[in-house]
PDB file of N, CA and C in Angstrom:
ATOM      1  N   MET A   1     -37.212  29.206 -28.004  1.00  0.00           N
ATOM      2  CA  MET A   1     -37.277  28.483 -26.776  1.00  0.00           C
ATOM      3  C   MET A   1     -37.280  29.589 -25.992  1.00  0.00           C
ATOM      4  N   SER A   2     -37.455  28.941 -24.664  1.00  0.00           N
ATOM      5  CA  SER A   2     -36.370  29.773 -23.431  1.00  0.00           C
ATOM      6  C   SER A   2     -35.517  29.474 -23.007  1.00  0.00           C
ATOM      7  N   THR A   3     -34.983  30.390 -22.058  1.00  0.00           N
ATOM      8  CA  THR A   3     -34.095  30.149 -20.879  1.00  0.00           C
ATOM      9  C   THR A   3     -34.086  29.297 -20.070  1.00  0.00           C
ATOM     10  N   ALA A   4     -35.344  28.495 -19.419  1.00  0.00           N
ATOM     11  CA  ALA A   4     -35.884  27.262 -18.725  1.00  0.00           C
ATOM     12  C   ALA A   4     -35.628  26.451 -20.035  1.00  0.00           C
ATOM     13  N   ASP A   5     -36.020  26.375 -21.129  1.00  0.00           N
ATOM     14  CA  ASP A   5     -36.193  25.214 -22.276  1.00  0.00           C
ATOM     15  C   ASP A   5     -34.643  24.967 -22.352  1.00  0.00           C
ATOM     16  N   ILE A   6     -34.076  25.711 -22.648  1.00  0.00           N
ATOM     17  CA  ILE A   6     -32.527  25.556 -22.905  1.00  0.00           C
ATOM     18  C   ILE A   6     -31.859  25.050 -21.728  1.00  0.00           C
ATOM     19  N   ARG A   7     -31.943  24.874 -20.620  1.00  0.00           N
ATOM     20  CA  ARG A   7     -31.156  24.578 -19.304  1.00  0.00           C
ATOM     21  C   ARG A   7     -31.488  23.021 -19.207  1.00  0.00           C
ATOM     22  N   ARG A   8     -33.020  22.532 -19.165  1.00  0.00           N
ATOM     23  CA  ARG A   8     -33.435  21.437 -19.262  1.00  0.00           C
ATOM     24  C   ARG A   8     -33.190  20.766 -19.959  1.00  0.00           C
ATOM     25  N   HIS A   9     -32.985  21.187 -21.564  1.00  0.00           N
ATOM     26  CA  HIS A   9     -32.344  20.521 -22.525  1.00  0.00           C
ATOM     27  C   HIS A   9     -31.181  19.859 -22.566  1.00  0.00           C
ATOM     28  N   PHE A  10     -29.959  20.809 -22.319  1.00  0.00           N
ATOM     29  CA  PHE A  10     -28.684  20.824 -22.257  1.00  0.00           C
ATOM     30  C   PHE A  10     -28.484  20.554 -21.047  1.00  0.00           C
ATOM     31  N   ALA A  11     -29.450  20.258 -19.663  1.00  0.00           N
ATOM     32  CA  ALA A  11     -28.928  19.487 -18.159  1.00  0.00           C
ATOM     33  C   ALA A  11     -28.797  17.842 -18.424  1.00  0.00           C
ATOM     34  N   PRO A  12     -27.645  17.933 -17.144  1.00  0.00           N
ATOM     35  CA  PRO A  12     -27.449  16.528 -17.453  1.00  0.00           C
ATOM     36  C   PRO A  12     -27.714  15.672 -16.571  1.00  0.00           C
ATOM     37  N   PRO A  13     -27.635  14.656 -17.457  1.00  0.00           N
ATOM     38  CA  PRO A  13     -28.884  13.271 -16.796  1.00  0.00           C
ATOM     39  C   PRO A  13     -28.970  13.053 -15.467  1.00  0.00           C
ATOM     40  N   ALA A  14     -29.917  12.858 -15.048  1.00  0.00           N
ATOM     41  CA  ALA A  14     -29.564  12.003 -13.369  1.00  0.00           C
ATOM     42  C   ALA A  14     -29.303  11.127 -12.899  1.00  0.00           C
ATOM     43  N   LEU A  15     -28.252  10.938 -12.666  1.00  0.00           N
ATOM     44  CA  LEU A  15     -27.752   9.440 -11.987  1.00  0.00           C
ATOM     45  C   LEU A  15     -27.614   9.218 -10.642  1.00  0.00           C
ATOM     46  N   ASP A  16     -28.480   8.203 -10.383  1.00  0.00           N
ATOM     47  CA  ASP A  16     -28.066   8.087  -8.830  1.00  0.00           C
ATOM     48  C   ASP A  16     -26.680   7.430  -8.083  1.00  0.00           C
ATOM     49  N   GLN A  17     -26.061   7.895  -7.476  1.00  0.00           N
ATOM     50  CA  GLN A  17     -24.959   7.652  -7.283  1.00  0.00           C
ATOM     51  C   GLN A  17     -25.201   7.579  -5.458  1.00  0.00           C
ATOM     52  N   GLY A  18     -25.713   7.156  -5.682  1.00  0.00           N
ATOM     53  CA  GLY A  18     -25.942   6.246  -3.901  1.00  0.00           C
ATOM     54  C   GLY A  18     -25.649   7.369  -2.903  1.00  0.00           C
ATOM     55  N   ASP A  19     -25.233   6.741  -1.733  1.00  0.00           N
ATOM     56  CA  ASP A  19     -24.591   8.076  -0.221  1.00  0.00           C
ATOM     57  C   ASP A  19     -23.435   7.842  -0.847  1.00  0.00           C
ATOM     58  N   PRO A  20     -23.396   9.125  -1.388  1.00  0.00           N
ATOM     59  CA  PRO A  20     -21.672   9.925  -1.673  1.00  0.00           C
ATOM     60  C   PRO A  20     -20.491   9.651   0.070  1.00  0.00           C
ATOM     61  N   PRO A  21     -19.942   8.926   0.137  1.00  0.00           N
ATOM     62  CA  PRO A  21     -19.418   9.314   1.213  1.00  0.00           C
ATOM     63  C   PRO A  21     -19.105  10.896   1.711  1.00  0.00           C
ATOM     64  N   SER A  22     -18.904  11.404   3.263  1.00  0.00           N
ATOM     65  CA  SER A  22     -18.312  12.589   3.482  1.00  0.00           C
ATOM     66  C   SER A  22     -16.781  12.554   3.310  1.00  0.00           C
ATOM     67  N   GLY A  23     -16.545  13.728   3.180  1.00  0.00           N
ATOM     68  CA  GLY A  23     -15.078  13.473   3.448  1.00  0.00           C
ATOM     69  C   GLY A  23     -13.982  12.910   4.236  1.00  0.00           C
ATOM     70  N   LEU A  24     -14.761  12.760   5.741  1.00  0.00           N
ATOM     71  CA  LEU A  24     -13.459  12.780   7.023  1.00  0.00           C
ATOM     72  C   LEU A  24     -13.829  10.848   6.695  1.00  0.00           C
ATOM     73  N   ARG A  25     -15.246  10.486   6.403  1.00  0.00           N
ATOM     74  CA  ARG A  25     -15.279   8.970   6.167  1.00  0.00           C
ATOM     75  C   ARG A  25     -14.879   8.283   4.610  1.00  0.00           C
ATOM     76  N   ALA A  26     -14.749   9.272   3.843  1.00  0.00           N
ATOM     77  CA  ALA A  26     -13.806   9.138   3.077  1.00  0.00           C
ATOM     78  C   ALA A  26     -12.565   8.652   2.827  1.00  0.00           C
ATOM     79  N   LEU A  27     -12.362   9.917   3.902  1.00  0.00           N
ATOM     80  CA  LEU A  27     -10.822   9.344   4.307  1.00  0.00           C
ATOM     81  C   LEU A  27     -10.230   8.220   5.095  1.00  0.00           C
ATOM     82  N   TRP A  28     -11.350   8.179   6.276  1.00  0.00           N
ATOM     83  CA  TRP A  28     -11.049   7.474   6.784  1.00  0.00           C
ATOM     84  C   TRP A  28     -11.230   5.441   5.983  1.00  0.00           C
ATOM     85  N   HIS A  29     -11.843   5.689   5.092  1.00  0.00           N
ATOM     86  CA  HIS A  29     -11.991   4.202   4.495  1.00  0.00           C
ATOM     87  C   HIS A  29     -10.773   4.110   3.687  1.00  0.00           C
ATOM     88  N   GLU A  30     -10.073   4.865   3.023  1.00  0.00           N
ATOM     89  CA  GLU A  30      -9.327   5.034   2.472  1.00  0.00           C
ATOM     90  C   GLU A  30      -7.897   4.560   3.027  1.00  0.00           C
ATOM     91  N   MET A  31      -7.741   4.957   4.342  1.00  0.00           N
ATOM     92  CA  MET A  31      -6.461   4.767   5.200  1.00  0.00           C
ATOM     93  C   MET A  31      -6.751   3.379   5.753  1.00  0.00           C
ATOM     94  N   LYS A  32      -8.154   2.849   6.064  1.00  0.00           N
ATOM     95  CA  LYS A  32      -8.234   1.740   6.653  1.00  0.00           C
ATOM     96  C   LYS A  32      -7.510   0.211   6.432  1.00  0.00           C
ATOM     97  N   SER A  33      -6.394  -0.333   7.268  1.00  0.00           N
ATOM     98  CA  SER A  33      -5.624  -0.928   6.909  1.00  0.00           C
ATOM     99  C   SER A  33      -6.091  -2.078   6.210  1.00  0.00           C
ATOM    100  N   VAL A  34      -5.437  -2.651   5.696  1.00  0.00           N
ATOM    101  CA  VAL A  34      -5.273  -3.808   4.583  1.00  0.00           C
ATOM    102  C   VAL A  34      -4.452  -4.462   4.584  1.00  0.00           C
ATOM    103  N   PRO A  35      -4.651  -6.214   4.706  1.00  0.00           N
ATOM    104  CA  PRO A  35      -3.483  -6.890   4.139  1.00  0.00           C
ATOM    105  C   PRO A  35      -2.369  -6.675   3.532  1.00  0.00           C
ATOM    106  N   GLY A  36      -1.419  -6.745   3.780  1.00  0.00           N
ATOM    107  CA  GLY A  36      -0.447  -6.184   2.928  1.00  0.00           C
ATOM    108  C   GLY A  36       0.972  -5.170   2.630  1.00  0.00           C
ATOM    109  N   ARG A  37      -0.731  -3.933   2.951  1.00  0.00           N
ATOM    110  CA  ARG A  37       0.042  -2.756   2.953  1.00  0.00           C
ATOM    111  C   ARG A  37       1.025  -2.303   3.929  1.00  0.00           C
ATOM    112  N   GLY A  38       1.477  -2.702   4.633  1.00  0.00           N
ATOM    113  CA  GLY A  38       2.769  -2.374   5.730  1.00  0.00           C
ATOM    114  C   GLY A  38       3.905  -3.004   4.576  1.00  0.00           C
ATOM    115  N   LYS A  39       3.828  -3.919   4.112  1.00  0.00           N
ATOM    116  CA  LYS A  39       5.064  -4.553   3.572  1.00  0.00           C
ATOM    117  C   LYS A  39       5.051  -3.777   1.969  1.00  0.00           C
ATOM    118  N   ASN A  40       4.099  -3.315   1.643  1.00  0.00           N
ATOM    119  CA  ASN A  40       4.101  -2.760   0.173  1.00  0.00           C
ATOM    120  C   ASN A  40       5.088  -1.197   0.981  1.00  0.00           C
ATOM    121  N   THR A  41       4.640  -0.693   1.996  1.00  0.00           N
ATOM    122  CA  THR A  41       4.859   0.498   2.340  1.00  0.00           C
ATOM    123  C   THR A  41       6.567   0.911   2.375  1.00  0.00           C
ATOM    124  N   ALA A  42       7.196  -0.431   3.692  1.00  0.00           N
ATOM    125  CA  ALA A  42       8.137  -0.382   3.878  1.00  0.00           C
ATOM    126  C   ALA A  42       9.258  -0.737   2.338  1.00  0.00           C
ATOM    127  N   ARG A  43       8.512  -1.652   1.659  1.00  0.00           N
ATOM    128  CA  ARG A  43       9.155  -1.870   0.063  1.00  0.00           C
ATOM    129  C   ARG A  43       9.585  -0.674  -0.896  1.00  0.00           C
ATOM    130  N   LEU A  44       8.018   0.087  -0.866  1.00  0.00           N
ATOM    131  CA  LEU A  44       8.553   1.496  -1.759  1.00  0.00           C
ATOM    132  C   LEU A  44       9.056   2.508  -0.727  1.00  0.00           C
ATOM    133  N   VAL A  45       9.500   2.325   0.430  1.00  0.00           N
ATOM    134  CA  VAL A  45      10.632   3.610   1.090  1.00  0.00           C
ATOM    135  C   VAL A  45      11.857   2.993   1.183  1.00  0.00           C
ATOM    136  N   VAL A  46      12.193   1.775   0.646  1.00  0.00           N
ATOM    137  CA  VAL A  46      13.123   0.761   0.300  1.00  0.00           C
ATOM    138  C   VAL A  46      14.172   1.524  -0.907  1.00  0.00           C
ATOM    139  N   ILE A  47      12.939   0.802  -1.754  1.00  0.00           N
ATOM    140  CA  ILE A  47      13.304   1.412  -2.978  1.00  0.00           C
ATOM    141  C   ILE A  47      13.502   2.864  -2.785  1.00  0.00           C
ATOM    142  N   THR A  48      12.448   3.895  -2.846  1.00  0.00           N
ATOM    143  CA  THR A  48      12.998   5.191  -2.802  1.00  0.00           C
ATOM    144  C   THR A  48      14.481   5.459  -2.332  1.00  0.00           C
ATOM    145  N   LEU A  49      14.827   5.429  -1.221  1.00  0.00           N
ATOM    146  CA  LEU A  49      16.035   5.045  -0.484  1.00  0.00           C
ATOM    147  C   LEU A  49      17.653   4.681  -1.252  1.00  0.00           C
ATOM    148  N   LEU A  50      17.094   3.264  -1.761  1.00  0.00           N
ATOM    149  CA  LEU A  50      18.299   2.928  -2.678  1.00  0.00           C
ATOM    150  C   LEU A  50      18.097   3.888  -4.315  1.00  0.00           C
ATOM    151  N   CYS A  51      16.914   4.405  -4.670  1.00  0.00           N
ATOM    152  CA  CYS A  51      16.870   5.218  -6.187  1.00  0.00           C
ATOM    153  C   CYS A  51      18.163   6.830  -5.508  1.00  0.00           C
ATOM    154  N   THR A  52      17.532   7.085  -4.769  1.00  0.00           N
ATOM    155  CA  THR A  52      18.255   8.329  -4.049  1.00  0.00           C
ATOM    156  C   THR A  52      19.584   7.816  -3.356  1.00  0.00           C
ATOM    157  N   VAL A  53      20.191   6.938  -2.991  1.00  0.00           N
ATOM    158  CA  VAL A  53      21.379   6.743  -2.754  1.00  0.00           C
ATOM    159  C   VAL A  53      22.382   6.781  -3.682  1.00  0.00           C
ATOM    160  N   ILE A  54      21.650   5.787  -4.848  1.00  0.00           N
ATOM    161  CA  ILE A  54      22.612   5.396  -6.160  1.00  0.00           C
ATOM    162  C   ILE A  54      22.488   6.998  -7.172  1.00  0.00           C
ATOM    163  N   GLY A  55      21.296   7.550  -6.894  1.00  0.00           N
ATOM    164  CA  GLY A  55      21.452   8.272  -8.168  1.00  0.00           C
ATOM    165  C   GLY A  55      22.483   9.401  -7.611  1.00  0.00           C
ATOM    166  N   GLU A  56      22.592   9.263  -6.339  1.00  0.00           N
ATOM    167  CA  GLU A  56      23.515  10.855  -5.724  1.00  0.00           C
ATOM    168  C   GLU A  56      24.849  10.178  -6.067  1.00  0.00           C
ATOM    169  N   VAL A  57      25.085   8.784  -5.678  1.00  0.00           N
ATOM    170  CA  VAL A  57      26.096   8.423  -5.976  1.00  0.00           C
ATOM    171  C   VAL A  57      27.196   8.985  -7.623  1.00  0.00           C
ATOM    172  N   PHE A  58      26.100   8.527  -8.027  1.00  0.00           N
ATOM    173  CA  PHE A  58      26.542   8.516  -9.823  1.00  0.00           C
ATOM    174  C   PHE A  58      25.841   9.699 -10.369  1.00  0.00           C
ATOM    175  N   ARG A  59      25.438  11.119  -9.215  1.00  0.00           N
ATOM    176  CA  ARG A  59      25.464  12.338  -9.984  1.00  0.00           C
ATOM    177  C   ARG A  59      24.479  12.196 -11.434  1.00  0.00           C
ATOM    178  N   VAL A  60      23.543  11.570 -10.964  1.00  0.00           N
ATOM    179  CA  VAL A  60      22.291  11.174 -11.723  1.00  0.00           C
ATOM    180  C   VAL A  60      21.428  12.507 -12.080  1.00  0.00           C
ATOM    181  N   PRO A  61      21.274  12.964 -12.939  1.00  0.00           N
ATOM    182  CA  PRO A  61      20.376  13.930 -13.159  1.00  0.00           C
ATOM    183  C   PRO A  61      18.935  13.790 -12.905  1.00  0.00           C
ATOM    184  N   PHE A  62      18.247  14.564 -12.979  1.00  0.00           N
ATOM    185  CA  PHE A  62      16.514  14.153 -12.673  1.00  0.00           C
ATOM    186  C   PHE A  62      16.344  13.274 -11.516  1.00  0.00           C
ATOM    187  N   ILE A  63      17.009  13.226 -10.481  1.00  0.00           N
ATOM    188  CA  ILE A  63      16.749  12.088  -9.102  1.00  0.00           C
ATOM    189  C   ILE A  63      15.620  11.618  -9.123  1.00  0.00           C
ATOM    190  N   ALA A  64      14.431  12.502  -9.142  1.00  0.00           N
ATOM    191  CA  ALA A  64      13.495  12.407  -8.733  1.00  0.00           C
ATOM    192  C   ALA A  64      12.631  11.529 -10.035  1.00  0.00           C
ATOM    193  N   VAL A  65      13.202  11.362 -10.936  1.00  0.00           N
ATOM    194  CA  VAL A  65      12.012  10.610 -11.414  1.00  0.00           C
ATOM    195  C   VAL A  65      12.130   9.134 -11.362  1.00  0.00           C
ATOM    196  N   PHE A  66      13.202   8.531 -10.904  1.00  0.00           N
ATOM    197  CA  PHE A  66      13.112   7.588 -10.673  1.00  0.00           C
ATOM    198  C   PHE A  66      12.150   7.108  -8.962  1.00  0.00           C
ATOM    199  N   PRO A  67      12.298   7.109  -8.210  1.00  0.00           N
ATOM    200  CA  PRO A  67      11.369   7.010  -6.926  1.00  0.00           C
ATOM    201  C   PRO A  67       9.906   7.045  -7.401  1.00  0.00           C
ATOM    202  N   TRP A  68       9.779   8.140  -8.828  1.00  0.00           N
ATOM    203  CA  TRP A  68       8.725   8.331  -9.192  1.00  0.00           C
ATOM    204  C   TRP A  68       7.861   6.974  -9.804  1.00  0.00           C
ATOM    205  N   ILE A  69       8.665   6.627 -10.608  1.00  0.00           N
ATOM    206  CA  ILE A  69       8.277   5.745 -11.234  1.00  0.00           C
ATOM    207  C   ILE A  69       8.145   4.682 -10.489  1.00  0.00           C
ATOM    208  N   ALA A  70       8.893   3.990  -9.479  1.00  0.00           N
ATOM    209  CA  ALA A  70       9.300   3.150  -8.913  1.00  0.00           C
ATOM    210  C   ALA A  70       7.415   3.276  -7.994  1.00  0.00           C
ATOM    211  N   PHE A  71       7.165   4.363  -7.519  1.00  0.00           N
ATOM    212  CA  PHE A  71       5.581   4.345  -6.929  1.00  0.00           C
ATOM    213  C   PHE A  71       4.694   3.799  -8.082  1.00  0.00           C
ATOM    214  N   LEU A  72       4.628   4.572  -9.128  1.00  0.00           N
ATOM    215  CA  LEU A  72       3.982   4.276 -10.165  1.00  0.00           C
ATOM    216  C   LEU A  72       3.946   2.859 -10.247  1.00  0.00           C
ATOM    217  N   LEU A  73       4.473   1.709 -10.214  1.00  0.00           N
ATOM    218  CA  LEU A  73       4.900   0.793 -10.517  1.00  0.00           C
ATOM    219  C   LEU A  73       4.355  -0.253  -9.231  1.00  0.00           C
ATOM    220  N   ALA A  74       4.365   0.472  -8.026  1.00  0.00           N
ATOM    221  CA  ALA A  74       4.133  -0.301  -6.797  1.00  0.00           C
ATOM    222  C   ALA A  74       2.616   0.063  -6.426  1.00  0.00           C
ATOM    223  N   GLY A  75       2.032   1.062  -7.298  1.00  0.00           N
ATOM    224  CA  GLY A  75       0.678   1.742  -6.676  1.00  0.00           C
ATOM    225  C   GLY A  75      -0.581   0.085  -7.259  1.00  0.00           C
ATOM    226  N   ASN A  76      -0.032  -0.408  -8.063  1.00  0.00           N
ATOM    227  CA  ASN A  76      -1.344  -1.166  -8.056  1.00  0.00           C
ATOM    228  C   ASN A  76      -1.309  -2.540  -7.266  1.00  0.00           C
ATOM    229  N   ASP A  77      -0.786  -2.848  -6.167  1.00  0.00           N
ATOM    230  CA  ASP A  77      -0.299  -4.093  -5.521  1.00  0.00           C
ATOM    231  C   ASP A  77      -0.554  -3.864  -4.109  1.00  0.00           C
ATOM    232  N   GLN A  78      -1.567  -3.141  -3.473  1.00  0.00           N
ATOM    233  CA  GLN A  78      -2.356  -2.803  -2.454  1.00  0.00           C
ATOM    234  C   GLN A  78      -3.185  -3.797  -2.608  1.00  0.00           C
ATOM    235  N   GLY A  79      -2.623  -4.355  -0.881  1.00  0.00           N
ATOM    236  CA  GLY A  79      -3.534  -6.059  -0.279  1.00  0.00           C
ATOM    237  C   GLY A  79      -2.755  -7.287  -1.053  1.00  0.00           C
ATOM    238  N   VAL A  80      -2.090  -7.223  -1.480  1.00  0.00           N
ATOM    239  CA  VAL A  80      -1.725  -8.433  -2.299  1.00  0.00           C
ATOM    240  C   VAL A  80      -0.449  -8.925  -1.602  1.00  0.00           C
ATOM    241  N   ASP A  81      -0.396  -9.838  -1.031  1.00  0.00           N
ATOM    242  CA  ASP A  81       0.626 -10.605  -0.319  1.00  0.00           C
ATOM    243  C   ASP A  81       1.660 -11.431  -0.943  1.00  0.00           C
ATOM    244  N   PHE A  82       2.516 -10.605  -1.281  1.00  0.00           N
ATOM    245  CA  PHE A  82       3.914 -11.360  -1.647  1.00  0.00           C
ATOM    246  C   PHE A  82       4.831 -12.134  -1.136  1.00  0.00           C
ATOM    247  N   HIS A  83       4.834 -13.768  -1.479  1.00  0.00           N
ATOM    248  CA  HIS A  83       5.546 -14.155  -0.472  1.00  0.00           C
ATOM    249  C   HIS A  83       7.111 -14.135  -0.854  1.00  0.00           C
TER     250      HIS A  83
END
């Protein structure tokens, strides 16, 4: 078995991934405004500030964990308008 045969045998399958966006186009698409994004951003900023203030007042160790948890919990509701 030649080296070319080995490479052909272990080559990944050819996948049609369409037209992958360029770096700037992908960034522009991700940063495009969607309904509710401003409210979600403001809510996350307020939650982060509250977590930081409460953590500093009560001298909670590892303060960064609480805003990170809030960030993870708030990450799935982009574009959802809560009334």
